[in-house]
Structure formats: C-alpha cells, structure tokens
C-alpha cells in the first residue's frame, strides 16, 4: 500500500516488484484485501 500511495510507479511495476505474475493477480488479491481496485485505492488515498 505504501508503494501505491507514495510512488508514481505503474501498478504493473508494483505488482512485479511484489512478486505477482500479473497485474490481474495483484488486482484480485488487492481487491479481496481492501474492497477496492489498486487504481481506485490510489486515487482515494492521495
């Protein structure tokens, strides 16, 4: 969440840095945890 909030890195780059095989896998896991997509969460937390 820190990477999404504090960096301008793309969600694809963040997903790869965290070891996810794809942006989709990261987005599904993130939404299961937070109830929001990574891009929606980023938009609301900035």
PDB file of N, CA and C in Angstrom:
ATOM      1  N   UNK A   1       0.823  -1.185   0.000  1.00  0.00           N
ATOM      2  CA  UNK A   1       0.000   0.000   0.000  1.00  0.00           C
ATOM      3  C   UNK A   1       0.869   1.251   0.000  1.00  0.00           C
ATOM      4  N   UNK A   2       2.007   1.156   0.660  1.00  0.00           N
ATOM      5  CA  UNK A   2       2.928   2.296   0.678  1.00  0.00           C
ATOM      6  C   UNK A   2       3.398   2.629  -0.738  1.00  0.00           C
ATOM      7  N   UNK A   3       3.708   1.605  -1.528  1.00  0.00           N
ATOM      8  CA  UNK A   3       4.148   1.856  -2.902  1.00  0.00           C
ATOM      9  C   UNK A   3       3.057   2.539  -3.717  1.00  0.00           C
ATOM     10  N   UNK A   4       1.836   2.103  -3.559  1.00  0.00           N
ATOM     11  CA  UNK A   4       0.728   2.729  -4.293  1.00  0.00           C
ATOM     12  C   UNK A   4       0.528   4.178  -3.868  1.00  0.00           C
ATOM     13  N   UNK A   5       0.625   4.416  -2.588  1.00  0.00           N
ATOM     14  CA  UNK A   5       0.365   5.756  -2.056  1.00  0.00           C
ATOM     15  C   UNK A   5       1.511   6.722  -2.336  1.00  0.00           C
ATOM     16  N   UNK A   6       2.744   6.257  -2.167  1.00  0.00           N
ATOM     17  CA  UNK A   6       3.889   7.168  -2.150  1.00  0.00           C
ATOM     18  C   UNK A   6       4.719   7.220  -3.428  1.00  0.00           C
ATOM     19  N   UNK A   7       4.437   6.356  -4.382  1.00  0.00           N
ATOM     20  CA  UNK A   7       5.239   6.377  -5.608  1.00  0.00           C
ATOM     21  C   UNK A   7       4.349   6.631  -6.816  1.00  0.00           C
ATOM     22  N   UNK A   8       5.001   6.993  -7.898  1.00  0.00           N
ATOM     23  CA  UNK A   8       4.301   7.165  -9.171  1.00  0.00           C
ATOM     24  C   UNK A   8       4.505   5.961 -10.078  1.00  0.00           C
ATOM     25  N   UNK A   9       5.066   4.885  -9.523  1.00  0.00           N
ATOM     26  CA  UNK A   9       5.274   3.671 -10.308  1.00  0.00           C
ATOM     27  C   UNK A   9       3.934   3.141 -10.799  1.00  0.00           C
ATOM     28  N   UNK A  10       3.953   2.519 -11.966  1.00  0.00           N
ATOM     29  CA  UNK A  10       2.722   1.942 -12.501  1.00  0.00           C
ATOM     30  C   UNK A  10       2.293   0.754 -11.640  1.00  0.00           C
ATOM     31  N   UNK A  11       1.042   0.432 -11.729  1.00  0.00           N
ATOM     32  CA  UNK A  11       0.527  -0.711 -10.979  1.00  0.00           C
ATOM     33  C   UNK A  11       1.171  -1.998 -11.484  1.00  0.00           C
ATOM     34  N   UNK A  12       1.463  -2.066 -12.773  1.00  0.00           N
ATOM     35  CA  UNK A  12       2.168  -3.226 -13.331  1.00  0.00           C
ATOM     36  C   UNK A  12       3.539  -3.368 -12.672  1.00  0.00           C
ATOM     37  N   UNK A  13       4.266  -2.273 -12.536  1.00  0.00           N
ATOM     38  CA  UNK A  13       5.595  -2.304 -11.906  1.00  0.00           C
ATOM     39  C   UNK A  13       5.510  -2.697 -10.442  1.00  0.00           C
ATOM     40  N   UNK A  14       4.531  -2.178  -9.752  1.00  0.00           N
ATOM     41  CA  UNK A  14       4.352  -2.508  -8.335  1.00  0.00           C
ATOM     42  C   UNK A  14       4.008  -3.983  -8.182  1.00  0.00           C
ATOM     43  N   UNK A  15       3.118  -4.477  -9.024  1.00  0.00           N
ATOM     44  CA  UNK A  15       2.748  -5.899  -8.972  1.00  0.00           C
ATOM     45  C   UNK A  15       3.976  -6.777  -9.177  1.00  0.00           C
ATOM     46  N   UNK A  16       4.800  -6.441 -10.158  1.00  0.00           N
ATOM     47  CA  UNK A  16       6.017  -7.218 -10.421  1.00  0.00           C
ATOM     48  C   UNK A  16       6.990  -7.138  -9.251  1.00  0.00           C
ATOM     49  N   UNK A  17       7.153  -5.956  -8.672  1.00  0.00           N
ATOM     50  CA  UNK A  17       8.064  -5.781  -7.536  1.00  0.00           C
ATOM     51  C   UNK A  17       7.628  -6.608  -6.333  1.00  0.00           C
ATOM     52  N   UNK A  18       6.329  -6.821  -6.213  1.00  0.00           N
ATOM     53  CA  UNK A  18       5.800  -7.602  -5.094  1.00  0.00           C
ATOM     54  C   UNK A  18       5.737  -9.097  -5.394  1.00  0.00           C
ATOM     55  N   UNK A  19       6.151  -9.492  -6.595  1.00  0.00           N
ATOM     56  CA  UNK A  19       6.233 -10.903  -6.933  1.00  0.00           C
ATOM     57  C   UNK A  19       4.997 -11.500  -7.581  1.00  0.00           C
ATOM     58  N   UNK A  20       4.058 -10.667  -7.971  1.00  0.00           N
ATOM     59  CA  UNK A  20       2.861 -11.179  -8.644  1.00  0.00           C
ATOM     60  C   UNK A  20       3.191 -11.486 -10.097  1.00  0.00           C
ATOM     61  N   UNK A  21       2.564 -12.529 -10.630  1.00  0.00           N
ATOM     62  CA  UNK A  21       2.825 -12.946 -12.006  1.00  0.00           C
ATOM     63  C   UNK A  21       2.173 -12.023 -13.023  1.00  0.00           C
ATOM     64  N   UNK A  22       1.181 -11.263 -12.587  1.00  0.00           N
ATOM     65  CA  UNK A  22       0.497 -10.342 -13.496  1.00  0.00           C
ATOM     66  C   UNK A  22      -0.179  -9.234 -12.702  1.00  0.00           C
ATOM     67  N   UNK A  23      -0.534  -8.179 -13.416  1.00  0.00           N
ATOM     68  CA  UNK A  23      -1.281  -7.091 -12.794  1.00  0.00           C
ATOM     69  C   UNK A  23      -2.641  -7.594 -12.328  1.00  0.00           C
ATOM     70  N   UNK A  24      -3.227  -8.498 -13.099  1.00  0.00           N
ATOM     71  CA  UNK A  24      -4.545  -9.035 -12.746  1.00  0.00           C
ATOM     72  C   UNK A  24      -4.493  -9.790 -11.428  1.00  0.00           C
ATOM     73  N   UNK A  25      -3.473 -10.621 -11.247  1.00  0.00           N
ATOM     74  CA  UNK A  25      -3.342 -11.375  -9.996  1.00  0.00           C
ATOM     75  C   UNK A  25      -3.194 -10.425  -8.811  1.00  0.00           C
ATOM     76  N   UNK A  26      -2.402  -9.382  -8.989  1.00  0.00           N
ATOM     77  CA  UNK A  26      -2.234  -8.383  -7.936  1.00  0.00           C
ATOM     78  C   UNK A  26      -3.549  -7.672  -7.653  1.00  0.00           C
ATOM     79  N   UNK A  27      -4.250  -7.264  -8.707  1.00  0.00           N
ATOM     80  CA  UNK A  27      -5.508  -6.525  -8.538  1.00  0.00           C
ATOM     81  C   UNK A  27      -6.558  -7.360  -7.820  1.00  0.00           C
ATOM     82  N   UNK A  28      -6.646  -8.638  -8.141  1.00  0.00           N
ATOM     83  CA  UNK A  28      -7.614  -9.518  -7.478  1.00  0.00           C
ATOM     84  C   UNK A  28      -7.274  -9.651  -5.997  1.00  0.00           C
ATOM     85  N   UNK A  29      -6.008  -9.901  -5.687  1.00  0.00           N
ATOM     86  CA  UNK A  29      -5.593 -10.035  -4.288  1.00  0.00           C
ATOM     87  C   UNK A  29      -5.813  -8.726  -3.533  1.00  0.00           C
ATOM     88  N   UNK A  30      -5.483  -7.605  -4.158  1.00  0.00           N
ATOM     89  CA  UNK A  30      -5.638  -6.300  -3.519  1.00  0.00           C
ATOM     90  C   UNK A  30      -7.105  -6.006  -3.240  1.00  0.00           C
ATOM     91  N   UNK A  31      -7.961  -6.289  -4.218  1.00  0.00           N
ATOM     92  CA  UNK A  31      -9.392  -6.022  -4.041  1.00  0.00           C
ATOM     93  C   UNK A  31      -9.990  -6.923  -2.966  1.00  0.00           C
ATOM     94  N   UNK A  32      -9.533  -8.164  -2.880  1.00  0.00           N
ATOM     95  CA  UNK A  32     -10.001  -9.058  -1.814  1.00  0.00           C
ATOM     96  C   UNK A  32      -9.623  -8.519  -0.440  1.00  0.00           C
ATOM     97  N   UNK A  33      -8.483  -7.869  -0.343  1.00  0.00           N
ATOM     98  CA  UNK A  33      -7.997  -7.327   0.925  1.00  0.00           C
ATOM     99  C   UNK A  33      -8.663  -6.002   1.293  1.00  0.00           C
ATOM    100  N   UNK A  34      -8.822  -5.121   0.307  1.00  0.00           N
ATOM    101  CA  UNK A  34      -9.265  -3.755   0.605  1.00  0.00           C
ATOM    102  C   UNK A  34     -10.684  -3.431   0.157  1.00  0.00           C
ATOM    103  N   UNK A  35     -11.214  -4.221  -0.761  1.00  0.00           N
ATOM    104  CA  UNK A  35     -12.532  -3.925  -1.317  1.00  0.00           C
ATOM    105  C   UNK A  35     -12.491  -2.941  -2.471  1.00  0.00           C
ATOM    106  N   UNK A  36     -11.291  -2.486  -2.848  1.00  0.00           N
ATOM    107  CA  UNK A  36     -11.120  -1.538  -3.954  1.00  0.00           C
ATOM    108  C   UNK A  36     -10.023  -2.035  -4.887  1.00  0.00           C
ATOM    109  N   UNK A  37     -10.101  -1.629  -6.140  1.00  0.00           N
ATOM    110  CA  UNK A  37      -9.009  -1.929  -7.062  1.00  0.00           C
ATOM    111  C   UNK A  37      -7.800  -1.078  -6.669  1.00  0.00           C
ATOM    112  N   UNK A  38      -6.596  -1.498  -7.066  1.00  0.00           N
ATOM    113  CA  UNK A  38      -5.418  -0.690  -6.740  1.00  0.00           C
ATOM    114  C   UNK A  38      -5.521   0.751  -7.257  1.00  0.00           C
ATOM    115  N   UNK A  39      -6.031   0.928  -8.461  1.00  0.00           N
ATOM    116  CA  UNK A  39      -6.124   2.294  -9.003  1.00  0.00           C
ATOM    117  C   UNK A  39      -7.148   3.134  -8.254  1.00  0.00           C
ATOM    118  N   UNK A  40      -8.276   2.546  -7.877  1.00  0.00           N
ATOM    119  CA  UNK A  40      -9.265   3.289  -7.084  1.00  0.00           C
ATOM    120  C   UNK A  40      -8.700   3.637  -5.716  1.00  0.00           C
ATOM    121  N   UNK A  41      -8.028   2.696  -5.077  1.00  0.00           N
ATOM    122  CA  UNK A  41      -7.441   2.931  -3.754  1.00  0.00           C
ATOM    123  C   UNK A  41      -6.422   4.069  -3.832  1.00  0.00           C
ATOM    124  N   UNK A  42      -5.565   4.011  -4.855  1.00  0.00           N
ATOM    125  CA  UNK A  42      -4.541   5.044  -5.031  1.00  0.00           C
ATOM    126  C   UNK A  42      -5.191   6.415  -5.192  1.00  0.00           C
ATOM    127  N   UNK A  43      -6.207   6.492  -5.995  1.00  0.00           N
ATOM    128  CA  UNK A  43      -6.891   7.763  -6.241  1.00  0.00           C
ATOM    129  C   UNK A  43      -7.490   8.328  -4.951  1.00  0.00           C
ATOM    130  N   UNK A  44      -8.046   7.470  -4.104  1.00  0.00           N
ATOM    131  CA  UNK A  44      -8.680   7.928  -2.863  1.00  0.00           C
ATOM    132  C   UNK A  44      -7.680   8.268  -1.758  1.00  0.00           C
ATOM    133  N   UNK A  45      -6.519   7.666  -1.782  1.00  0.00           N
ATOM    134  CA  UNK A  45      -5.543   7.853  -0.701  1.00  0.00           C
ATOM    135  C   UNK A  45      -4.546   8.962  -0.970  1.00  0.00           C
ATOM    136  N   UNK A  46      -4.544   9.512  -2.137  1.00  0.00           N
ATOM    137  CA  UNK A  46      -3.590  10.588  -2.449  1.00  0.00           C
ATOM    138  C   UNK A  46      -4.133  11.923  -2.103  1.00  0.00           C
TER     139      UNK A  46
END
